[in-house]
Amino acid sequence: MNKIDLKKYKEKLDKELANLEKELESVGRRNPSNPNDWEAKQPEENIPGADLNEVADSIDDFESNSAILNDLEAKYNNVKLALEKIEEETYGLCEVDGKPIEEARLEANPSARTCKEHINTNLR
C-alpha cells in the first residue's frame, strides 16, 4: 500500500469530530463528573402532573435522545481514537492483524479501525 496522506485524513477527522460534537450537544451534554462521557438530556421536570401526555412525550424524547446519543458517542470516540493514532503514527493499521487498512475503506470511513477482512470484529 502506498503511504497514505495523513494531512488529508486529519482534516477529514477534525471536521467530522466538530460535526459530531454539535450533534451530541443537540441531544445530550457532557457528564460533569466525567468530561469524556456524554449523557442524554433529561426531560423537562416542570411538566404539570395532570398532563400525562406531556409526561409520556418527555419520556419518549429522553429515550430517543439516549439511543441517538449512544450511536453518536461511539462514532465520536472512534474519531478521537483515529486522531490519536495519527499523532502516534499508527493510523491506517488494522487493530486485529496490524496490516494496512485499504485506502478505499479509509476514504469511506476515515475512523475505520480494521481492514475489510476484519470488518465484523467486535472491538471495544
N, C-alpha and C. Protein backbone atom coordinates (compact mmCIF):
# COMPACT_ATOMS: atom_id res chain seq x y z
N MET A 1 0.84 -1.18 0.00
CA MET A 1 0.00 0.00 0.00
C MET A 1 0.89 1.24 0.00
N ASN A 2 0.50 2.23 -0.78
CA ASN A 2 1.22 3.49 -0.80
C ASN A 2 1.02 4.22 0.52
N LYS A 3 1.94 5.11 0.80
CA LYS A 3 1.85 5.92 2.01
C LYS A 3 0.56 6.74 1.94
N ILE A 4 -0.24 6.72 3.01
CA ILE A 4 -1.50 7.47 2.99
C ILE A 4 -1.24 8.92 3.36
N ASP A 5 -2.10 9.79 2.89
CA ASP A 5 -1.99 11.22 3.12
C ASP A 5 -2.59 11.56 4.49
N LEU A 6 -1.76 11.55 5.50
CA LEU A 6 -2.23 11.78 6.88
C LEU A 6 -2.88 13.14 7.04
N LYS A 7 -2.34 14.15 6.38
CA LYS A 7 -2.90 15.51 6.50
C LYS A 7 -4.35 15.52 6.01
N LYS A 8 -4.60 14.86 4.89
CA LYS A 8 -5.96 14.80 4.33
C LYS A 8 -6.92 14.13 5.32
N TYR A 9 -6.48 13.01 5.90
CA TYR A 9 -7.36 12.29 6.82
C TYR A 9 -7.53 13.04 8.14
N LYS A 10 -6.49 13.73 8.58
CA LYS A 10 -6.61 14.53 9.81
C LYS A 10 -7.64 15.63 9.62
N GLU A 11 -7.60 16.29 8.46
CA GLU A 11 -8.59 17.34 8.18
C GLU A 11 -10.00 16.77 8.16
N LYS A 12 -10.18 15.63 7.51
CA LYS A 12 -11.50 14.99 7.47
C LYS A 12 -11.97 14.62 8.88
N LEU A 13 -11.07 14.05 9.66
CA LEU A 13 -11.43 13.62 11.02
C LEU A 13 -11.73 14.82 11.93
N ASP A 14 -10.95 15.89 11.80
CA ASP A 14 -11.22 17.10 12.59
C ASP A 14 -12.61 17.66 12.28
N LYS A 15 -12.95 17.69 10.99
CA LYS A 15 -14.26 18.20 10.57
C LYS A 15 -15.38 17.29 11.10
N GLU A 16 -15.17 15.98 11.00
CA GLU A 16 -16.17 15.02 11.49
C GLU A 16 -16.34 15.13 13.00
N LEU A 17 -15.24 15.33 13.72
CA LEU A 17 -15.30 15.47 15.17
C LEU A 17 -16.12 16.70 15.56
N ALA A 18 -15.90 17.81 14.88
CA ALA A 18 -16.66 19.03 15.16
C ALA A 18 -18.15 18.82 14.88
N ASN A 19 -18.48 18.15 13.78
CA ASN A 19 -19.89 17.88 13.46
C ASN A 19 -20.53 16.96 14.50
N LEU A 20 -19.80 15.95 14.92
CA LEU A 20 -20.33 15.02 15.93
C LEU A 20 -20.55 15.73 17.26
N GLU A 21 -19.64 16.64 17.63
CA GLU A 21 -19.83 17.39 18.88
C GLU A 21 -21.11 18.21 18.83
N LYS A 22 -21.38 18.86 17.70
CA LYS A 22 -22.62 19.64 17.55
C LYS A 22 -23.84 18.74 17.68
N GLU A 23 -23.79 17.59 17.02
CA GLU A 23 -24.91 16.66 17.10
C GLU A 23 -25.10 16.14 18.52
N LEU A 24 -24.00 15.81 19.18
CA LEU A 24 -24.08 15.33 20.57
C LEU A 24 -24.68 16.40 21.48
N GLU A 25 -24.28 17.64 21.29
CA GLU A 25 -24.81 18.73 22.12
C GLU A 25 -26.29 18.97 21.89
N SER A 26 -26.81 18.56 20.71
CA SER A 26 -28.24 18.76 20.44
C SER A 26 -29.11 17.74 21.18
N VAL A 27 -28.53 16.59 21.56
CA VAL A 27 -29.32 15.56 22.25
C VAL A 27 -28.81 15.25 23.65
N GLY A 28 -27.66 15.82 24.01
CA GLY A 28 -27.09 15.49 25.31
C GLY A 28 -26.17 16.58 25.82
N ARG A 29 -25.43 16.21 26.83
CA ARG A 29 -24.45 17.11 27.43
C ARG A 29 -23.31 16.28 27.97
N ARG A 30 -22.16 16.94 28.16
CA ARG A 30 -21.02 16.23 28.76
C ARG A 30 -21.34 15.96 30.22
N ASN A 31 -20.98 14.79 30.66
CA ASN A 31 -21.17 14.41 32.05
C ASN A 31 -20.22 15.27 32.89
N PRO A 32 -20.74 16.07 33.83
CA PRO A 32 -19.88 16.96 34.61
C PRO A 32 -18.81 16.22 35.42
N SER A 33 -19.09 15.00 35.84
CA SER A 33 -18.11 14.26 36.63
C SER A 33 -17.14 13.46 35.76
N ASN A 34 -17.43 13.35 34.45
CA ASN A 34 -16.53 12.67 33.51
C ASN A 34 -16.67 13.33 32.14
N PRO A 35 -15.86 14.34 31.84
CA PRO A 35 -16.00 15.08 30.59
C PRO A 35 -15.81 14.24 29.32
N ASN A 36 -15.28 13.02 29.44
CA ASN A 36 -15.15 12.15 28.28
C ASN A 36 -16.42 11.38 28.00
N ASP A 37 -17.42 11.53 28.85
CA ASP A 37 -18.68 10.80 28.72
C ASP A 37 -19.80 11.77 28.41
N TRP A 38 -20.72 11.35 27.59
CA TRP A 38 -21.90 12.14 27.25
C TRP A 38 -23.13 11.47 27.86
N GLU A 39 -24.11 12.27 28.22
CA GLU A 39 -25.37 11.73 28.74
C GLU A 39 -26.53 12.45 28.06
N ALA A 40 -27.62 11.74 27.88
CA ALA A 40 -28.79 12.31 27.23
C ALA A 40 -29.37 13.42 28.09
N LYS A 41 -29.96 14.41 27.40
CA LYS A 41 -30.62 15.49 28.13
C LYS A 41 -31.80 14.92 28.89
N GLN A 42 -31.93 15.36 30.13
CA GLN A 42 -33.03 14.91 30.97
C GLN A 42 -34.33 15.57 30.51
N PRO A 43 -35.45 14.89 30.68
CA PRO A 43 -36.72 15.50 30.31
C PRO A 43 -37.04 16.69 31.22
N GLU A 44 -37.86 17.56 30.71
CA GLU A 44 -38.28 18.73 31.49
C GLU A 44 -39.00 18.27 32.74
N GLU A 45 -38.62 18.85 33.88
CA GLU A 45 -39.20 18.40 35.15
C GLU A 45 -40.38 19.24 35.61
N ASN A 46 -40.66 20.35 34.95
CA ASN A 46 -41.75 21.23 35.38
C ASN A 46 -43.04 20.98 34.60
N ILE A 47 -43.25 19.76 34.19
CA ILE A 47 -44.49 19.40 33.49
C ILE A 47 -45.55 19.14 34.54
N PRO A 48 -46.69 19.79 34.40
CA PRO A 48 -47.75 19.55 35.38
C PRO A 48 -48.12 18.07 35.42
N GLY A 49 -48.22 17.54 36.62
CA GLY A 49 -48.51 16.12 36.82
C GLY A 49 -49.81 15.68 36.19
N ALA A 50 -50.75 16.60 35.99
CA ALA A 50 -52.05 16.25 35.44
C ALA A 50 -51.97 15.95 33.94
N ASP A 51 -50.96 16.46 33.26
CA ASP A 51 -50.86 16.26 31.82
C ASP A 51 -49.98 15.05 31.51
N LEU A 52 -50.61 13.89 31.55
CA LEU A 52 -49.88 12.64 31.35
C LEU A 52 -49.32 12.50 29.94
N ASN A 53 -49.99 13.10 28.95
CA ASN A 53 -49.48 13.03 27.57
C ASN A 53 -48.13 13.74 27.45
N GLU A 54 -48.00 14.90 28.07
CA GLU A 54 -46.74 15.63 28.01
C GLU A 54 -45.63 14.86 28.74
N VAL A 55 -45.98 14.26 29.85
CA VAL A 55 -45.00 13.46 30.59
C VAL A 55 -44.55 12.28 29.73
N ALA A 56 -45.47 11.60 29.09
CA ALA A 56 -45.14 10.47 28.23
C ALA A 56 -44.28 10.91 27.06
N ASP A 57 -44.62 12.06 26.44
CA ASP A 57 -43.82 12.59 25.33
C ASP A 57 -42.41 12.91 25.79
N SER A 58 -42.29 13.47 26.98
CA SER A 58 -40.99 13.83 27.52
C SER A 58 -40.12 12.59 27.75
N ILE A 59 -40.73 11.53 28.25
CA ILE A 59 -40.01 10.28 28.47
C ILE A 59 -39.59 9.67 27.14
N ASP A 60 -40.49 9.71 26.14
CA ASP A 60 -40.15 9.21 24.81
C ASP A 60 -38.98 9.98 24.21
N ASP A 61 -38.99 11.31 24.38
CA ASP A 61 -37.90 12.14 23.87
C ASP A 61 -36.58 11.75 24.52
N PHE A 62 -36.61 11.52 25.82
CA PHE A 62 -35.39 11.15 26.55
C PHE A 62 -34.87 9.81 26.05
N GLU A 63 -35.74 8.84 25.87
CA GLU A 63 -35.32 7.52 25.40
C GLU A 63 -34.76 7.61 23.98
N SER A 64 -35.39 8.42 23.14
CA SER A 64 -34.90 8.61 21.78
C SER A 64 -33.54 9.29 21.79
N ASN A 65 -33.39 10.33 22.62
CA ASN A 65 -32.11 11.02 22.74
C ASN A 65 -31.02 10.07 23.23
N SER A 66 -31.36 9.19 24.15
CA SER A 66 -30.38 8.23 24.68
C SER A 66 -29.88 7.30 23.58
N ALA A 67 -30.78 6.80 22.76
CA ALA A 67 -30.39 5.90 21.68
C ALA A 67 -29.52 6.62 20.66
N ILE A 68 -29.92 7.82 20.27
CA ILE A 68 -29.15 8.62 19.31
C ILE A 68 -27.78 8.94 19.90
N LEU A 69 -27.77 9.34 21.16
CA LEU A 69 -26.53 9.73 21.82
C LEU A 69 -25.54 8.56 21.87
N ASN A 70 -26.02 7.37 22.17
CA ASN A 70 -25.13 6.19 22.23
C ASN A 70 -24.43 5.95 20.90
N ASP A 71 -25.17 6.07 19.80
CA ASP A 71 -24.59 5.87 18.48
C ASP A 71 -23.58 6.98 18.15
N LEU A 72 -23.98 8.23 18.41
CA LEU A 72 -23.08 9.35 18.14
C LEU A 72 -21.82 9.29 19.00
N GLU A 73 -21.97 8.90 20.25
CA GLU A 73 -20.82 8.84 21.15
C GLU A 73 -19.81 7.78 20.69
N ALA A 74 -20.30 6.66 20.18
CA ALA A 74 -19.40 5.62 19.67
C ALA A 74 -18.63 6.15 18.46
N LYS A 75 -19.32 6.84 17.56
CA LYS A 75 -18.64 7.43 16.40
C LYS A 75 -17.64 8.49 16.84
N TYR A 76 -18.03 9.31 17.79
CA TYR A 76 -17.17 10.37 18.32
C TYR A 76 -15.88 9.77 18.91
N ASN A 77 -16.03 8.73 19.70
CA ASN A 77 -14.86 8.10 20.31
C ASN A 77 -13.95 7.45 19.26
N ASN A 78 -14.53 6.88 18.21
CA ASN A 78 -13.71 6.31 17.14
C ASN A 78 -12.94 7.39 16.38
N VAL A 79 -13.55 8.54 16.18
CA VAL A 79 -12.87 9.64 15.51
C VAL A 79 -11.72 10.15 16.38
N LYS A 80 -11.99 10.30 17.68
CA LYS A 80 -10.92 10.75 18.58
C LYS A 80 -9.76 9.75 18.59
N LEU A 81 -10.08 8.46 18.58
CA LEU A 81 -9.06 7.42 18.55
C LEU A 81 -8.25 7.50 17.26
N ALA A 82 -8.91 7.72 16.14
CA ALA A 82 -8.21 7.83 14.86
C ALA A 82 -7.26 9.02 14.87
N LEU A 83 -7.69 10.14 15.46
CA LEU A 83 -6.82 11.32 15.55
C LEU A 83 -5.61 11.03 16.45
N GLU A 84 -5.83 10.28 17.53
CA GLU A 84 -4.70 9.89 18.39
C GLU A 84 -3.72 9.01 17.62
N LYS A 85 -4.26 8.13 16.79
CA LYS A 85 -3.40 7.23 16.00
C LYS A 85 -2.57 8.02 14.99
N ILE A 86 -3.12 9.09 14.45
CA ILE A 86 -2.34 9.92 13.54
C ILE A 86 -1.15 10.50 14.29
N GLU A 87 -1.40 10.98 15.49
CA GLU A 87 -0.32 11.55 16.31
C GLU A 87 0.72 10.49 16.67
N GLU A 88 0.26 9.28 16.92
CA GLU A 88 1.17 8.18 17.31
C GLU A 88 1.78 7.46 16.11
N GLU A 89 1.39 7.91 14.92
CA GLU A 89 1.87 7.32 13.67
C GLU A 89 1.48 5.86 13.51
N THR A 90 0.29 5.51 14.01
CA THR A 90 -0.24 4.16 13.83
C THR A 90 -1.55 4.18 13.04
N TYR A 91 -1.91 5.33 12.50
CA TYR A 91 -3.16 5.47 11.76
C TYR A 91 -3.11 4.60 10.50
N GLY A 92 -4.26 3.99 10.19
CA GLY A 92 -4.39 3.22 8.97
C GLY A 92 -3.98 1.76 9.09
N LEU A 93 -3.71 1.32 10.33
CA LEU A 93 -3.35 -0.08 10.55
C LEU A 93 -4.50 -0.80 11.22
N CYS A 94 -4.80 -1.99 10.75
CA CYS A 94 -5.87 -2.81 11.30
C CYS A 94 -5.56 -3.16 12.75
N GLU A 95 -6.53 -3.00 13.63
CA GLU A 95 -6.33 -3.32 15.05
C GLU A 95 -6.30 -4.82 15.32
N VAL A 96 -6.70 -5.63 14.35
CA VAL A 96 -6.70 -7.07 14.54
C VAL A 96 -5.37 -7.69 14.12
N ASP A 97 -4.93 -7.37 12.91
CA ASP A 97 -3.70 -8.02 12.42
C ASP A 97 -2.55 -7.05 12.13
N GLY A 98 -2.76 -5.75 12.31
CA GLY A 98 -1.70 -4.77 12.12
C GLY A 98 -1.36 -4.46 10.67
N LYS A 99 -2.09 -5.05 9.74
CA LYS A 99 -1.86 -4.78 8.32
C LYS A 99 -2.53 -3.46 7.93
N PRO A 100 -2.08 -2.84 6.85
CA PRO A 100 -2.69 -1.59 6.41
C PRO A 100 -4.16 -1.76 6.06
N ILE A 101 -4.96 -0.77 6.46
CA ILE A 101 -6.37 -0.73 6.09
C ILE A 101 -6.44 -0.21 4.66
N GLU A 102 -7.30 -0.79 3.86
CA GLU A 102 -7.44 -0.40 2.47
C GLU A 102 -7.78 1.10 2.38
N GLU A 103 -7.14 1.79 1.44
CA GLU A 103 -7.38 3.23 1.32
C GLU A 103 -8.84 3.53 0.96
N ALA A 104 -9.46 2.68 0.16
CA ALA A 104 -10.87 2.89 -0.18
C ALA A 104 -11.73 2.84 1.09
N ARG A 105 -11.38 1.96 2.02
CA ARG A 105 -12.12 1.88 3.29
C ARG A 105 -11.90 3.14 4.11
N LEU A 106 -10.67 3.61 4.19
CA LEU A 106 -10.39 4.84 4.93
C LEU A 106 -11.07 6.04 4.28
N GLU A 107 -11.13 6.03 2.96
CA GLU A 107 -11.80 7.12 2.25
C GLU A 107 -13.28 7.15 2.62
N ALA A 108 -13.91 5.97 2.70
CA ALA A 108 -15.32 5.88 3.05
C ALA A 108 -15.56 6.13 4.53
N ASN A 109 -14.62 5.68 5.37
CA ASN A 109 -14.75 5.81 6.82
C ASN A 109 -13.37 6.09 7.42
N PRO A 110 -13.01 7.37 7.51
CA PRO A 110 -11.66 7.71 8.00
C PRO A 110 -11.35 7.21 9.41
N SER A 111 -12.37 6.88 10.18
CA SER A 111 -12.13 6.38 11.54
C SER A 111 -12.18 4.86 11.62
N ALA A 112 -12.11 4.19 10.46
CA ALA A 112 -12.13 2.73 10.43
C ALA A 112 -10.99 2.18 11.28
N ARG A 113 -11.28 1.13 12.04
CA ARG A 113 -10.29 0.54 12.94
C ARG A 113 -9.75 -0.79 12.43
N THR A 114 -10.40 -1.34 11.41
CA THR A 114 -9.99 -2.63 10.88
C THR A 114 -10.00 -2.61 9.35
N CYS A 115 -9.31 -3.57 8.78
CA CYS A 115 -9.36 -3.76 7.33
C CYS A 115 -10.69 -4.45 6.98
N LYS A 116 -10.95 -4.58 5.68
CA LYS A 116 -12.21 -5.20 5.25
C LYS A 116 -12.35 -6.63 5.76
N GLU A 117 -11.25 -7.34 5.82
CA GLU A 117 -11.28 -8.73 6.27
C GLU A 117 -11.81 -8.86 7.69
N HIS A 118 -11.53 -7.88 8.53
CA HIS A 118 -11.93 -7.94 9.94
C HIS A 118 -13.04 -6.94 10.30
N ILE A 119 -13.81 -6.55 9.30
CA ILE A 119 -14.82 -5.52 9.48
C ILE A 119 -15.86 -5.89 10.56
N ASN A 120 -16.16 -7.16 10.70
CA ASN A 120 -17.19 -7.58 11.67
C ASN A 120 -16.61 -7.97 13.03
N THR A 121 -15.35 -7.69 13.25
CA THR A 121 -14.73 -8.00 14.55
C THR A 121 -15.23 -7.00 15.57
N ASN A 122 -15.62 -7.49 16.71
CA ASN A 122 -16.14 -6.63 17.78
C ASN A 122 -14.98 -6.05 18.57
N LEU A 123 -14.73 -4.75 18.39
CA LEU A 123 -13.66 -4.06 19.11
C LEU A 123 -14.27 -3.18 20.19
N ARG A 124 -13.56 -3.02 21.26
CA ARG A 124 -14.04 -2.12 22.33
C ARG A 124 -13.27 -0.86 22.32
